[in-house]
C-alpha atoms as a PDB file:
ATOM      1  CA  MET A   1      44.106 100.407  81.551  1.00  0.00           C
ATOM      2  CA  LEU A   2      42.849  98.093  78.691  1.00  0.00           C
ATOM      3  CA  ALA A   3      43.404  94.863  80.011  1.00  0.00           C
ATOM      4  CA  ASN A   4      41.820  96.439  83.468  1.00  0.00           C
ATOM      5  CA  ILE A   5      39.065  96.045  81.820  1.00  0.00           C
ATOM      6  CA  ILE A   6      39.186  93.264  79.793  1.00  0.00           C
ATOM      7  CA  ILE A   7      40.119  91.133  82.571  1.00  0.00           C
ATOM      8  CA  PRO A   8      37.352  91.632  85.001  1.00  0.00           C
ATOM      9  CA  ALA A   9      34.769  91.619  81.875  1.00  0.00           C
ATOM     10  CA  ALA A  10      36.286  87.865  81.028  1.00  0.00           C
ATOM     11  CA  GLY A  11      36.310  86.753  84.563  1.00  0.00           C
ATOM     12  CA  VAL A  12      32.732  87.693  85.414  1.00  0.00           C
ATOM     13  CA  VAL A  13      31.640  85.803  82.001  1.00  0.00           C
ATOM     14  CA  LEU A  14      33.585  82.735  83.297  1.00  0.00           C
ATOM     15  CA  HIS A  15      31.987  83.139  86.770  1.00  0.00           C
ATOM     16  CA  ASP A  16      28.532  83.552  85.309  1.00  0.00           C
ATOM     17  CA  GLY A  17      28.252  86.995  85.918  1.00  0.00           C
ATOM     18  CA  ALA A  18      28.331  85.942  89.759  1.00  0.00           C
ATOM     19  CA  ASP A  19      29.411  88.732  92.202  1.00  0.00           C
ATOM     20  CA  LEU A  20      33.007  87.847  92.641  1.00  0.00           C
ATOM     21  CA  GLY A  21      33.287  89.618  96.292  1.00  0.00           C
ATOM     22  CA  ALA A  22      36.805  88.461  97.893  1.00  0.00           C
ATOM     23  CA  GLU A  23      37.597  86.492  94.853  1.00  0.00           C
ATOM     24  CA  THR A  24      38.223  89.388  92.806  1.00  0.00           C
ATOM     25  CA  ASP A  25      42.089  89.536  93.237  1.00  0.00           C
ATOM     26  CA  TYR A  26      41.895  85.591  91.599  1.00  0.00           C
ATOM     27  CA  VAL A  27      40.049  86.538  88.762  1.00  0.00           C
ATOM     28  CA  PHE A  28      43.391  87.085  86.482  1.00  0.00           C
ATOM     29  CA  MET A  29      44.518  83.908  87.292  1.00  0.00           C
ATOM     30  CA  ASP A  30      41.100  82.553  86.288  1.00  0.00           C
ATOM     31  CA  VAL A  31      41.184  83.729  82.912  1.00  0.00           C
ATOM     32  CA  ILE A  32      44.736  82.819  82.261  1.00  0.00           C
ATOM     33  CA  ASP A  33      43.701  78.906  83.478  1.00  0.00           C
ATOM     34  CA  ALA A  34      40.745  79.200  81.170  1.00  0.00           C
ATOM     35  CA  ILE A  35      41.878  80.219  78.265  1.00  0.00           C
ATOM     36  CA  PHE A  36      45.823  79.526  77.907  1.00  0.00           C
ATOM     37  CA  PRO A  37      47.956  76.343  77.719  1.00  0.00           C
ATOM     38  CA  ALA A  38      50.071  74.927  80.660  1.00  0.00           C
ATOM     39  CA  TRP A  39      53.505  76.347  79.034  1.00  0.00           C
ATOM     40  CA  PHE A  40      51.605  80.022  78.799  1.00  0.00           C
ATOM     41  CA  GLN A  41      50.423  79.895  82.136  1.00  0.00           C
ATOM     42  CA  ALA A  42      53.667  78.713  83.616  1.00  0.00           C
ATOM     43  CA  ILE A  43      55.122  81.960  81.998  1.00  0.00           C
ATOM     44  CA  VAL A  44      52.211  84.266  83.595  1.00  0.00           C
ATOM     45  CA  TYR A  45      52.821  82.968  86.909  1.00  0.00           C
ATOM     46  CA  ALA A  46      56.606  83.230  86.648  1.00  0.00           C
ATOM     47  CA  GLY A  47      56.053  86.913  85.277  1.00  0.00           C
ATOM     48  CA  VAL A  48      53.581  87.556  88.720  1.00  0.00           C
ATOM     49  CA  PHE A  49      56.141  86.579  90.867  1.00  0.00           C
ATOM     50  CA  ALA A  50      58.550  88.585  89.461  1.00  0.00           C
ATOM     51  CA  ALA A  51      56.775  91.415  89.665  1.00  0.00           C
ATOM     52  CA  VAL A  52      55.602  90.852  92.938  1.00  0.00           C
ATOM     53  CA  MET A  53      59.375  90.550  94.288  1.00  0.00           C
ATOM     54  CA  SER A  54      60.757  93.521  92.254  1.00  0.00           C
ATOM     55  CA  SER A  55      57.787  95.564  94.038  1.00  0.00           C
ATOM     56  CA  VAL A  56      58.269  94.242  97.324  1.00  0.00           C
ATOM     57  CA  SER A  57      61.979  94.706  97.337  1.00  0.00           C
ATOM     58  CA  GLY A  58      61.961  98.686  95.824  1.00  0.00           C
ATOM     59  CA  MET A  59      59.170  99.071  98.642  1.00  0.00           C
ATOM     60  CA  LEU A  60      61.271  97.691 101.495  1.00  0.00           C
ATOM     61  CA  LEU A  61      64.681  99.822  99.675  1.00  0.00           C
ATOM     62  CA  SER A  62      62.282 103.080 100.548  1.00  0.00           C
ATOM     63  CA  ILE A  63      61.516 101.858 103.533  1.00  0.00           C
ATOM     64  CA  GLY A  64      65.201 101.560 104.971  1.00  0.00           C
ATOM     65  CA  SER A  65      66.314 104.405 103.235  1.00  0.00           C
ATOM     66  CA  ALA A  66      63.529 106.858 104.429  1.00  0.00           C
ATOM     67  CA  VAL A  67      64.393 105.611 107.830  1.00  0.00           C
ATOM     68  CA  SER A  68      68.137 105.610 107.649  1.00  0.00           C
ATOM     69  CA  TYR A  69      68.156 109.184 105.677  1.00  0.00           C
ATOM     70  CA  ASP A  70      65.199 110.928 106.076  1.00  0.00           C
ATOM     71  CA  LEU A  71      64.564 109.980 109.477  1.00  0.00           C
ATOM     72  CA  ILE A  72      67.777 109.719 111.622  1.00  0.00           C
ATOM     73  CA  GLU A  73      70.166 111.865 109.540  1.00  0.00           C
ATOM     74  CA  THR A  74      67.519 114.544 110.112  1.00  0.00           C
ATOM     75  CA  LEU A  75      66.928 114.084 114.216  1.00  0.00           C
ATOM     76  CA  ARG A  76      70.484 112.980 114.287  1.00  0.00           C
ATOM     77  CA  PRO A  77      72.532 114.714 111.487  1.00  0.00           C
ATOM     78  CA  ASN A  78      75.940 113.620 112.802  1.00  0.00           C
ATOM     79  CA  THR A  79      75.500 109.749 112.524  1.00  0.00           C
ATOM     80  CA  ASP A  80      78.289 108.029 111.225  1.00  0.00           C
ATOM     81  CA  SER A  81      77.245 106.893 107.765  1.00  0.00           C
ATOM     82  CA  LYS A  82      78.151 103.108 108.474  1.00  0.00           C
ATOM     83  CA  LYS A  83      75.601 103.074 111.337  1.00  0.00           C
ATOM     84  CA  VAL A  84      72.998 104.719 108.920  1.00  0.00           C
ATOM     85  CA  LYS A  85      73.762 102.155 106.487  1.00  0.00           C
ATOM     86  CA  ALA A  86      73.212  99.646 109.426  1.00  0.00           C
ATOM     87  CA  ILE A  87      69.926 100.911 110.704  1.00  0.00           C
ATOM     88  CA  SER A  88      68.725 101.077 106.892  1.00  0.00           C
ATOM     89  CA  LYS A  89      69.305  97.204 106.834  1.00  0.00           C
ATOM     90  CA  TRP A  90      67.895  96.468 109.790  1.00  0.00           C
ATOM     91  CA  ALA A  91      64.806  98.735 109.106  1.00  0.00           C
ATOM     92  CA  ILE A  92      64.341  96.345 105.766  1.00  0.00           C
ATOM     93  CA  VAL A  93      64.388  93.329 108.198  1.00  0.00           C
ATOM     94  CA  ILE A  94      62.212  94.600 110.396  1.00  0.00           C
ATOM     95  CA  PHE A  95      59.607  95.836 107.985  1.00  0.00           C
ATOM     96  CA  GLY A  96      60.078  93.082 105.759  1.00  0.00           C
ATOM     97  CA  ALA A  97      59.239  90.515 108.178  1.00  0.00           C
ATOM     98  CA  ILE A  98      55.993  92.577 109.035  1.00  0.00           C
ATOM     99  CA  SER A  99      54.544  92.337 105.699  1.00  0.00           C
ATOM    100  CA  ALA A 100      55.535  88.807 105.426  1.00  0.00           C
ATOM    101  CA  ILE A 101      53.242  87.888 108.952  1.00  0.00           C
ATOM    102  CA  LEU A 102      50.760  90.443 107.893  1.00  0.00           C
ATOM    103  CA  ALA A 103      50.733  88.402 104.374  1.00  0.00           C
ATOM    104  CA  LEU A 104      49.536  85.428 105.609  1.00  0.00           C
ATOM    105  CA  ASN A 105      46.126  86.787 106.094  1.00  0.00           C
ATOM    106  CA  PRO A 106      45.696  89.605 103.353  1.00  0.00           C
ATOM    107  CA  PRO A 107      42.372  91.725 103.614  1.00  0.00           C
ATOM    108  CA  ALA A 108      40.192  91.258 100.670  1.00  0.00           C
ATOM    109  CA  LEU A 109      40.333  93.218  97.282  1.00  0.00           C
ATOM    110  CA  LEU A 110      44.490  93.383  97.970  1.00  0.00           C
ATOM    111  CA  THR A 111      44.404  94.802  94.315  1.00  0.00           C
ATOM    112  CA  ILE A 112      42.332  97.791  95.015  1.00  0.00           C
ATOM    113  CA  LEU A 113      44.210  98.432  98.720  1.00  0.00           C
ATOM    114  CA  TYR A 114      47.497  98.827  96.847  1.00  0.00           C
ATOM    115  CA  SER A 115      46.375 100.656  93.811  1.00  0.00           C
ATOM    116  CA  SER A 116      45.111 103.278  96.225  1.00  0.00           C
ATOM    117  CA  ALA A 117      47.840 103.395  97.951  1.00  0.00           C
ATOM    118  CA  MET A 118      50.061 103.884  95.005  1.00  0.00           C
ATOM    119  CA  GLY A 119      47.242 106.466  93.541  1.00  0.00           C
ATOM    120  CA  VAL A 120      47.756 108.781  96.964  1.00  0.00           C
ATOM    121  CA  LEU A 121      51.465 108.549  96.637  1.00  0.00           C
ATOM    122  CA  ALA A 122      51.685 109.338  93.025  1.00  0.00           C
ATOM    123  CA  SER A 123      49.221 112.207  93.456  1.00  0.00           C
ATOM    124  CA  GLY A 124      51.626 113.466  96.606  1.00  0.00           C
ATOM    125  CA  LEU A 125      54.646 112.664  95.602  1.00  0.00           C
ATOM    126  CA  ALA A 126      55.208 112.628  91.869  1.00  0.00           C
ATOM    127  CA  ALA A 127      55.202 116.381  90.853  1.00  0.00           C
ATOM    128  CA  PRO A 128      57.448 117.364  94.255  1.00  0.00           C
ATOM    129  CA  LEU A 129      60.354 114.787  93.688  1.00  0.00           C
ATOM    130  CA  VAL A 130      60.256 115.150  89.343  1.00  0.00           C
ATOM    131  CA  LEU A 131      60.295 119.276  89.742  1.00  0.00           C
ATOM    132  CA  GLY A 132      62.314 119.218  93.178  1.00  0.00           C
ATOM    133  CA  LEU A 133      65.340 117.586  91.084  1.00  0.00           C
ATOM    134  CA  TRP A 134      65.071 118.921  87.698  1.00  0.00           C
ATOM    135  CA  TRP A 135      63.601 122.539  88.272  1.00  0.00           C
ATOM    136  CA  LYS A 136      65.507 125.042  90.373  1.00  0.00           C
ATOM    137  CA  ARG A 137      62.798 127.289  90.723  1.00  0.00           C
ATOM    138  CA  MET A 138      60.478 124.576  92.804  1.00  0.00           C
ATOM    139  CA  ASN A 139      60.337 125.460  96.271  1.00  0.00           C
ATOM    140  CA  LYS A 140      59.288 124.010  99.775  1.00  0.00           C
ATOM    141  CA  TYR A 141      55.573 126.127  99.071  1.00  0.00           C
ATOM    142  CA  GLY A 142      55.045 124.681  95.880  1.00  0.00           C
ATOM    143  CA  ALA A 143      56.175 121.145  97.484  1.00  0.00           C
ATOM    144  CA  LEU A 144      53.959 120.997 100.053  1.00  0.00           C
ATOM    145  CA  ALA A 145      50.935 122.805  98.197  1.00  0.00           C
ATOM    146  CA  SER A 146      51.598 119.908  95.555  1.00  0.00           C
ATOM    147  CA  LEU A 147      51.523 117.131  98.502  1.00  0.00           C
ATOM    148  CA  ILE A 148      48.625 118.147 100.286  1.00  0.00           C
ATOM    149  CA  GLY A 149      46.276 119.329  97.414  1.00  0.00           C
ATOM    150  CA  GLY A 150      46.930 115.932  95.116  1.00  0.00           C
ATOM    151  CA  ALA A 151      46.730 113.493  98.112  1.00  0.00           C
ATOM    152  CA  GLY A 152      44.010 115.523  99.530  1.00  0.00           C
ATOM    153  CA  LEU A 153      42.016 115.416  96.339  1.00  0.00           C
ATOM    154  CA  TRP A 154      43.018 111.933  95.599  1.00  0.00           C
ATOM    155  CA  VAL A 155      41.609 110.803  99.390  1.00  0.00           C
ATOM    156  CA  GLY A 156      38.359 113.108  99.208  1.00  0.00           C
ATOM    157  CA  LEU A 157      37.283 111.681  95.967  1.00  0.00           C
ATOM    158  CA  PHE A 158      37.657 108.328  96.798  1.00  0.00           C
ATOM    159  CA  LEU A 159      35.759 108.895  99.895  1.00  0.00           C
ATOM    160  CA  TRP A 160      32.953 111.005  98.605  1.00  0.00           C
ATOM    161  CA  SER A 161      32.541 110.873  95.294  1.00  0.00           C
ATOM    162  CA  ASP A 162      30.640 108.179  92.921  1.00  0.00           C
ATOM    163  CA  LEU A 163      34.019 107.997  90.747  1.00  0.00           C
ATOM    164  CA  PRO A 164      35.509 103.807  90.131  1.00  0.00           C
ATOM    165  CA  SER A 165      37.894 103.279  92.603  1.00  0.00           C
ATOM    166  CA  LEU A 166      41.310 104.483  90.593  1.00  0.00           C
ATOM    167  CA  ALA A 167      39.732 107.021  88.688  1.00  0.00           C
ATOM    168  CA  PRO A 168      40.833 109.856  91.519  1.00  0.00           C
ATOM    169  CA  SER A 169      44.077 109.763  89.992  1.00  0.00           C
ATOM    170  CA  ALA A 170      43.016 110.845  86.609  1.00  0.00           C
ATOM    171  CA  PHE A 171      42.071 114.687  88.669  1.00  0.00           C
ATOM    172  CA  ALA A 172      44.568 114.500  91.547  1.00  0.00           C
ATOM    173  CA  ILE A 173      47.863 113.789  89.522  1.00  0.00           C
ATOM    174  CA  PRO A 174      47.343 116.990  87.263  1.00  0.00           C
ATOM    175  CA  VAL A 175      46.125 118.993  90.168  1.00  0.00           C
ATOM    176  CA  SER A 176      48.974 118.299  92.294  1.00  0.00           C
ATOM    177  CA  TRP A 177      51.570 119.291  88.958  1.00  0.00           C
ATOM    178  CA  ILE A 178      49.404 122.672  88.201  1.00  0.00           C
ATOM    179  CA  LEU A 179      49.633 123.410  92.255  1.00  0.00           C
ATOM    180  CA  ALA A 180      53.382 122.550  92.477  1.00  0.00           C
ATOM    181  CA  VAL A 181      53.984 124.776  89.220  1.00  0.00           C
ATOM    182  CA  VAL A 182      51.541 128.355  89.941  1.00  0.00           C
ATOM    183  CA  VAL A 183      52.924 127.826  94.030  1.00  0.00           C
ATOM    184  CA  SER A 184      56.667 127.574  93.425  1.00  0.00           C
ATOM    185  CA  LEU A 185      56.055 130.446  91.134  1.00  0.00           C
ATOM    186  CA  LEU A 186      54.148 132.947  93.128  1.00  0.00           C
ATOM    187  CA  THR A 187      56.159 132.379  96.206  1.00  0.00           C
ATOM    188  CA  PRO A 188      60.165 133.197  96.588  1.00  0.00           C
ATOM    189  CA  PRO A 189      62.475 131.521  94.869  1.00  0.00           C
ATOM    190  CA  SER A 190      64.699 128.740  97.149  1.00  0.00           C
ATOM    191  CA  SER A 191      68.156 130.637  98.533  1.00  0.00           C
ATOM    192  CA  ASP A 192      71.190 129.559  96.915  1.00  0.00           C
ATOM    193  CA  GLU A 193      71.942 128.583 100.044  1.00  0.00           C
ATOM    194  CA  GLU A 194      69.104 126.001 100.061  1.00  0.00           C
ATOM    195  CA  LEU A 195      70.190 125.416  96.193  1.00  0.00           C
ATOM    196  CA  ARG A 196      73.627 124.412  97.693  1.00  0.00           C
ATOM    197  CA  ARG A 197      72.596 121.775 100.568  1.00  0.00           C
ATOM    198  CA  VAL A 198      70.537 120.028  97.761  1.00  0.00           C
ATOM    199  CA  THR A 199      73.645 119.538  96.006  1.00  0.00           C
ATOM    200  CA  ILE A 200      75.728 118.905  98.922  1.00  0.00           C
ATOM    201  CA  ALA A 201      73.056 116.088  99.762  1.00  0.00           C
ATOM    202  CA  HIS A 202      72.659 114.783  96.184  1.00  0.00           C
ATOM    203  CA  GLU A 203      76.833 114.300  95.932  1.00  0.00           C
ATOM    204  CA  ARG A 204      77.368 112.833  99.239  1.00  0.00           C
ATOM    205  CA  MET A 205      74.385 110.414  98.588  1.00  0.00           C
ATOM    206  CA  LEU A 206      76.706 109.459  95.576  1.00  0.00           C
ATOM    207  CA  SER A 207      79.414 108.862  97.397  1.00  0.00           C
ATOM    208  CA  ASP A 208      78.192 106.428  99.574  1.00  0.00           C
ATOM    209  CA  GLU A 209      76.695 104.347  97.095  1.00  0.00           C
ATOM    210  CA  GLU A 210      80.253 104.030  95.321  1.00  0.00           C
ATOM    211  CA  LYS A 211      81.734 103.042  98.794  1.00  0.00           C
END
């Protein structure tokens, strides 16, 4: 967060206080070019590319898993595991190609767009994911309340408040966790059958990964 303040401030100084507009995404590179020697710039650029590639690969893997395990196995639970893996691979290829095409003409303020998406995901899914894995008292009502309340609050603050573009996360994420815990405690716990199915699903995924 400190770097998010220092780098833009340095960029504004380098540009004589001008409104950067669509050039905001390049401020980091401008600052690095103006301050550090060439050898350090090369290290920074390598780090940027590594961060981009790891983020993109992780997201594509998540998309493949969502399409194959969450969608296909929900609609057709008896689908062969080899076919599910093949669907996951094709989903990665297709969405990767779409992303590459869209990247040829990226929107302005790409950093804000990406950070906003991460803010919504963290506000809506972090609490249900962590508590769903490690807290047996967590149930579907708490997860749903956390998802709708956290993500909804983030979007509402982003659209209709005067907060800075990334500030809604500071309010939405705590609210999401509170809703998950409070609603789960106020509603019936998950049944033994539901807990058993979750355990089986986890064991099945681990077994498929080992294969």
